[in-house]
Amino acid sequence: MISNLNSSNDITIYTNIALLIVLYSVGFLFKLPPKRIMGIIGEKVAYNLRMELFDKIDVVGTRFIQENSKGHILSRLNNDLMSIKEFISFGSSEIFAQILLIIFVLVLILMTDWRLGLVYLVILPIYLLCFYVCHIKSKINFNGHQKYMGRMMGYFERGLADRDSFHEKGFEKINQSVIVYYAKSRNIAKIMVPITTFLINISNITVYIAGIYFLIGNEIGLGILLAVIMYGELLSKPIKKLSTSMASIETSFSSIKRIFAIIDYQKDE
């Protein structure tokens, strides 16, 4: 009886190790082509958006120019487009790969033991809720940072054209606003890192306690528990990477909003 149980545990352990190797291999192979493809797509998207912006600025009329300084327009043509291009070229494929890895690992956990998998099913919605709350809180600061960056570029443009119009106190005020909004936006985004660590630790401790309880009651084997623990460690890595990518996601969304504010602008009648 004991021999059969040990043999069953060994088979389970070896099977799950093989699945982990396959999962890592597929994940590595999956990352290579999308990076090249997304790099090309990022270049094309930036080019098309730039052409649309130029065409739109030609037809929007004087009202748009009066409502927006040259600095704001230049900031959107340069900074915002570069942010979108970098996100599509480098960030989007990485984020998609991490989300796909989370789904695959979660499926493997549920296939191994659905009761222990419920722990992660409960934690993930809480993580998404925290991510959404941080997104709402930081969105205002990211938009403010981009807005004052545009004002700073406009201030430089006026100063280069007319040195007498450049005032150091005015520049310091705008520069301070840029720094404050930047710090606030990054600080709120960084809150997701300790929140993620806390949620992962809670889920791991819960799995350990529940797993030992099931193990003592002979409801699961040692191989099942070890497999779920290994999958849990694997699941924590992409979740942490998504948390650290929050700043780049927010910057890209803010840039997209500012660019489409020009593209969707109603031209003068």
Protein backbone atom coordinates (compact mmCIF):
# COMPACT_ATOMS: atom_id res chain seq x y z
CA MET A 1 0.00 0.00 0.00
CA ILE A 2 2.77 2.46 1.04
CA SER A 3 4.85 1.39 -1.96
CA ASN A 4 1.99 2.13 -4.36
CA LEU A 5 1.41 5.53 -2.72
CA ASN A 6 5.08 6.48 -3.02
CA SER A 7 5.12 5.31 -6.62
CA SER A 8 2.04 7.43 -7.36
CA ASN A 9 3.66 10.47 -5.73
CA ASP A 10 6.86 9.98 -7.75
CA ILE A 11 4.89 9.80 -10.99
CA THR A 12 2.99 12.97 -10.06
CA ILE A 13 6.20 14.85 -9.23
CA TYR A 14 7.93 13.77 -12.46
CA THR A 15 4.83 14.63 -14.50
CA ASN A 16 4.60 18.12 -13.03
CA ILE A 17 8.33 18.73 -13.48
CA ALA A 18 7.96 17.76 -17.14
CA LEU A 19 4.99 20.13 -17.48
CA LEU A 20 7.04 22.94 -15.94
CA ILE A 21 9.87 22.35 -18.41
CA VAL A 22 7.41 22.37 -21.32
CA LEU A 23 5.76 25.54 -19.96
CA TYR A 24 9.07 27.39 -19.64
CA SER A 25 10.14 26.26 -23.13
CA VAL A 26 6.88 27.35 -24.75
CA GLY A 27 7.00 30.67 -22.89
CA PHE A 28 10.56 31.34 -24.04
CA LEU A 29 9.80 30.46 -27.66
CA PHE A 30 6.61 32.54 -27.53
CA LYS A 31 8.48 35.71 -26.47
CA LEU A 32 10.95 35.79 -29.37
CA PRO A 33 8.73 36.30 -32.46
CA PRO A 34 6.27 38.77 -30.86
CA LYS A 35 9.09 41.15 -29.86
CA ARG A 36 10.23 41.50 -33.46
CA ILE A 37 6.68 41.67 -34.78
CA MET A 38 5.59 44.22 -32.17
CA GLY A 39 8.68 46.31 -32.90
CA ILE A 40 7.59 46.60 -36.54
CA ILE A 41 3.99 47.26 -35.52
CA GLY A 42 5.14 49.96 -33.08
CA GLU A 43 7.01 51.77 -35.85
CA LYS A 44 3.99 51.61 -38.18
CA VAL A 45 1.54 52.77 -35.49
CA ALA A 46 3.78 55.72 -34.57
CA TYR A 47 4.16 56.66 -38.24
CA ASN A 48 0.41 56.46 -38.95
CA LEU A 49 -0.49 58.44 -35.81
CA ARG A 50 2.09 61.10 -36.66
CA MET A 51 0.66 61.50 -40.17
CA GLU A 52 -2.89 61.66 -38.79
CA LEU A 53 -1.84 64.33 -36.31
CA PHE A 54 -0.16 66.43 -39.00
CA ASP A 55 -3.21 66.14 -41.26
CA LYS A 56 -5.56 66.98 -38.40
CA ILE A 57 -3.58 70.05 -37.32
CA ASP A 58 -3.77 71.36 -40.89
CA VAL A 59 -7.58 71.30 -40.89
CA VAL A 60 -8.67 71.98 -37.29
CA GLY A 61 -8.49 75.74 -37.68
CA THR A 62 -7.37 78.63 -35.52
CA ARG A 63 -9.61 77.77 -32.55
CA PHE A 64 -7.54 74.67 -31.79
CA ILE A 65 -4.27 76.62 -31.99
CA GLN A 66 -5.67 79.21 -29.58
CA GLU A 67 -6.83 76.57 -27.10
CA ASN A 68 -3.53 74.66 -27.17
CA SER A 69 -0.03 76.09 -26.94
CA LYS A 70 2.71 75.05 -29.33
CA GLY A 71 4.36 73.24 -26.43
CA HIS A 72 1.31 71.03 -25.92
CA ILE A 73 1.19 70.18 -29.61
CA LEU A 74 4.93 69.46 -29.78
CA SER A 75 4.72 67.35 -26.63
CA ARG A 76 2.04 65.16 -28.21
CA LEU A 77 3.91 64.89 -31.51
CA ASN A 78 7.12 63.85 -29.76
CA ASN A 79 6.83 62.62 -26.17
CA ASP A 80 3.41 60.97 -26.41
CA LEU A 81 4.15 59.25 -29.72
CA MET A 82 7.45 57.92 -28.38
CA SER A 83 5.72 56.58 -25.26
CA ILE A 84 3.13 54.74 -27.37
CA LYS A 85 5.78 53.40 -29.74
CA GLU A 86 7.95 52.07 -26.89
CA PHE A 87 4.97 50.48 -25.17
CA ILE A 88 3.80 48.69 -28.32
CA SER A 89 7.33 47.66 -29.32
CA PHE A 90 8.56 46.41 -25.95
CA GLY A 91 5.92 46.53 -23.24
CA SER A 92 2.83 45.08 -24.91
CA SER A 93 4.37 41.74 -25.94
CA GLU A 94 5.89 41.29 -22.47
CA ILE A 95 2.61 42.08 -20.72
CA PHE A 96 0.69 39.75 -23.05
CA ALA A 97 3.21 36.96 -22.36
CA GLN A 98 2.85 37.46 -18.59
CA ILE A 99 -0.97 37.35 -18.77
CA LEU A 100 -0.81 34.20 -20.90
CA LEU A 101 1.60 32.61 -18.40
CA ILE A 102 -0.75 33.44 -15.52
CA ILE A 103 -3.66 31.75 -17.32
CA PHE A 104 -1.62 28.64 -18.19
CA VAL A 105 -0.26 28.22 -14.66
CA LEU A 106 -3.69 28.78 -13.09
CA VAL A 107 -5.15 26.07 -15.34
CA LEU A 108 -2.36 23.69 -14.30
CA ILE A 109 -3.03 24.42 -10.62
CA LEU A 110 -6.75 23.72 -11.03
CA MET A 111 -5.98 20.51 -12.93
CA THR A 112 -3.62 19.41 -10.15
CA ASP A 113 -5.99 20.16 -7.26
CA TRP A 114 -9.02 22.40 -7.68
CA ARG A 115 -9.44 23.01 -3.94
CA LEU A 116 -5.97 24.53 -3.56
CA GLY A 117 -6.49 26.31 -6.87
CA LEU A 118 -9.48 28.15 -5.38
CA VAL A 119 -7.04 30.09 -3.19
CA TYR A 120 -5.45 31.66 -6.27
CA LEU A 121 -8.84 32.18 -7.90
CA VAL A 122 -9.84 34.30 -4.90
CA ILE A 123 -6.54 36.23 -4.75
CA LEU A 124 -6.46 37.19 -8.46
CA PRO A 125 -9.73 39.22 -8.41
CA ILE A 126 -8.47 41.06 -5.31
CA TYR A 127 -5.23 41.81 -7.16
CA LEU A 128 -7.15 43.12 -10.18
CA LEU A 129 -9.31 45.30 -7.92
CA CYS A 130 -6.21 46.81 -6.27
CA PHE A 131 -4.67 47.36 -9.72
CA TYR A 132 -7.82 49.16 -10.88
CA VAL A 133 -7.95 51.40 -7.78
CA CYS A 134 -4.28 52.37 -8.22
CA HIS A 135 -4.98 53.04 -11.90
CA ILE A 136 -7.82 55.44 -11.05
CA LYS A 137 -5.74 57.23 -8.40
CA SER A 138 -2.61 57.58 -10.53
CA LYS A 139 -4.35 58.50 -13.80
CA ILE A 140 -4.87 62.12 -12.71
CA ASN A 141 -1.20 62.52 -11.84
CA PHE A 142 0.02 60.91 -15.07
CA ASN A 143 -2.22 63.24 -17.08
CA GLY A 144 -1.00 66.21 -15.04
CA HIS A 145 2.63 65.28 -15.66
CA GLN A 146 2.09 65.08 -19.41
CA LYS A 147 0.14 68.36 -19.36
CA TYR A 148 2.89 70.30 -17.58
CA MET A 149 5.55 68.74 -19.80
CA GLY A 150 3.68 70.35 -22.70
CA ARG A 151 3.63 73.68 -20.87
CA MET A 152 7.37 73.43 -20.26
CA MET A 153 8.06 72.80 -23.95
CA GLY A 154 5.87 75.77 -24.83
CA TYR A 155 7.77 77.91 -22.33
CA PHE A 156 11.07 76.89 -23.91
CA GLU A 157 9.70 77.63 -27.38
CA ARG A 158 8.64 81.14 -26.37
CA GLY A 159 11.94 81.73 -24.59
CA LEU A 160 13.97 80.77 -27.65
CA ALA A 161 11.89 83.05 -29.87
CA ASP A 162 11.96 85.98 -27.43
CA ARG A 163 14.50 85.95 -24.61
CA ASP A 164 12.72 88.80 -22.84
CA SER A 165 9.61 86.61 -22.41
CA PHE A 166 11.55 83.97 -20.44
CA HIS A 167 11.13 84.39 -16.68
CA GLU A 168 13.05 82.16 -14.30
CA LYS A 169 10.32 82.16 -11.65
CA GLY A 170 7.71 81.09 -14.18
CA PHE A 171 9.95 78.29 -15.38
CA GLU A 172 10.64 77.13 -11.80
CA LYS A 173 6.91 76.99 -11.10
CA ILE A 174 6.22 74.83 -14.16
CA ASN A 175 9.27 72.66 -13.47
CA GLN A 176 8.16 72.11 -9.87
CA SER A 177 4.70 71.05 -11.06
CA VAL A 178 6.30 68.54 -13.46
CA ILE A 179 8.38 67.08 -10.61
CA VAL A 180 5.44 66.90 -8.20
CA TYR A 181 3.11 65.17 -10.68
CA TYR A 182 5.88 62.78 -11.74
CA ALA A 183 6.66 61.81 -8.14
CA LYS A 184 2.98 61.34 -7.23
CA SER A 185 2.26 59.22 -10.31
CA ARG A 186 5.27 56.95 -9.71
CA ASN A 187 4.62 56.63 -5.98
CA ILE A 188 1.04 55.48 -6.51
CA ALA A 189 2.18 53.03 -9.20
CA LYS A 190 4.87 51.65 -6.87
CA ILE A 191 2.25 50.88 -4.21
CA MET A 192 1.20 47.87 -6.33
CA VAL A 193 4.55 46.15 -5.65
CA PRO A 194 4.11 45.73 -1.84
CA ILE A 195 0.40 45.00 -2.33
CA THR A 196 1.29 42.23 -4.77
CA THR A 197 3.93 40.82 -2.42
CA PHE A 198 1.42 40.82 0.45
CA LEU A 199 -1.28 39.04 -1.59
CA ILE A 200 1.21 36.44 -2.85
CA ASN A 201 2.43 35.74 0.70
CA ILE A 202 -1.16 35.38 1.94
CA SER A 203 -2.01 32.96 -0.88
CA ASN A 204 1.14 30.89 -0.30
CA ILE A 205 0.54 30.62 3.45
CA THR A 206 -3.08 29.61 2.84
CA VAL A 207 -1.99 26.94 0.35
CA TYR A 208 0.61 25.59 2.80
CA ILE A 209 -1.92 25.34 5.65
CA ALA A 210 -4.68 23.82 3.50
CA GLY A 211 -2.21 21.49 1.77
CA ILE A 212 -0.83 20.14 5.05
CA TYR A 213 -4.38 19.66 6.33
CA PHE A 214 -5.34 17.67 3.22
CA LEU A 215 -2.06 15.76 3.39
CA ILE A 216 -2.64 14.71 7.01
CA GLY A 217 -6.15 13.59 6.09
CA ASN A 218 -4.75 11.54 3.15
CA GLU A 219 -6.91 13.55 0.75
CA ILE A 220 -3.93 14.48 -1.43
CA GLY A 221 -0.44 13.10 -1.94
CA LEU A 222 2.85 14.82 -1.26
CA GLY A 223 3.49 15.12 -5.00
CA ILE A 224 0.25 17.06 -5.48
CA LEU A 225 1.13 19.52 -2.71
CA LEU A 226 4.68 20.05 -4.01
CA ALA A 227 3.35 20.57 -7.54
CA VAL A 228 0.86 23.23 -6.40
CA ILE A 229 3.59 24.98 -4.40
CA MET A 230 5.88 25.02 -7.46
CA TYR A 231 3.07 26.33 -9.64
CA GLY A 232 2.32 28.99 -7.02
CA GLU A 233 5.94 30.20 -7.13
CA LEU A 234 5.76 30.25 -10.92
CA LEU A 235 2.49 32.21 -10.79
CA SER A 236 3.97 34.90 -8.55
CA LYS A 237 6.65 35.94 -11.08
CA PRO A 238 4.38 37.25 -13.89
CA ILE A 239 2.09 38.91 -11.34
CA LYS A 240 5.05 40.83 -9.89
CA LYS A 241 6.20 41.82 -13.38
CA LEU A 242 2.75 43.20 -14.18
CA SER A 243 2.89 45.29 -11.00
CA THR A 244 6.27 46.78 -11.93
CA SER A 245 4.94 47.55 -15.43
CA MET A 246 2.09 49.68 -14.12
CA ALA A 247 3.96 52.98 -14.63
CA SER A 248 4.63 52.28 -18.32
CA ILE A 249 1.01 51.19 -18.83
CA GLU A 250 -0.31 54.39 -17.24
CA THR A 251 2.07 56.57 -19.26
CA SER A 252 0.99 54.90 -22.50
CA PHE A 253 -2.73 55.23 -21.74
CA SER A 254 -2.26 58.90 -20.85
CA SER A 255 -0.37 59.48 -24.11
CA ILE A 256 -3.06 57.71 -26.15
CA LYS A 257 -5.75 59.87 -24.55
CA ARG A 258 -3.86 63.10 -25.34
CA ILE A 259 -3.19 62.12 -28.95
CA PHE A 260 -6.77 61.13 -29.66
CA ALA A 261 -7.93 64.40 -28.12
CA ILE A 262 -6.38 66.01 -31.22
CA ILE A 263 -7.50 63.36 -33.70
CA ASP A 264 -11.11 63.53 -32.44
CA TYR A 265 -11.13 67.33 -32.28
CA GLN A 266 -13.99 68.87 -34.25
CA LYS A 267 -12.65 71.25 -36.89
CA ASP A 268 -13.96 74.77 -37.29
CA GLU A 269 -17.03 75.17 -39.46
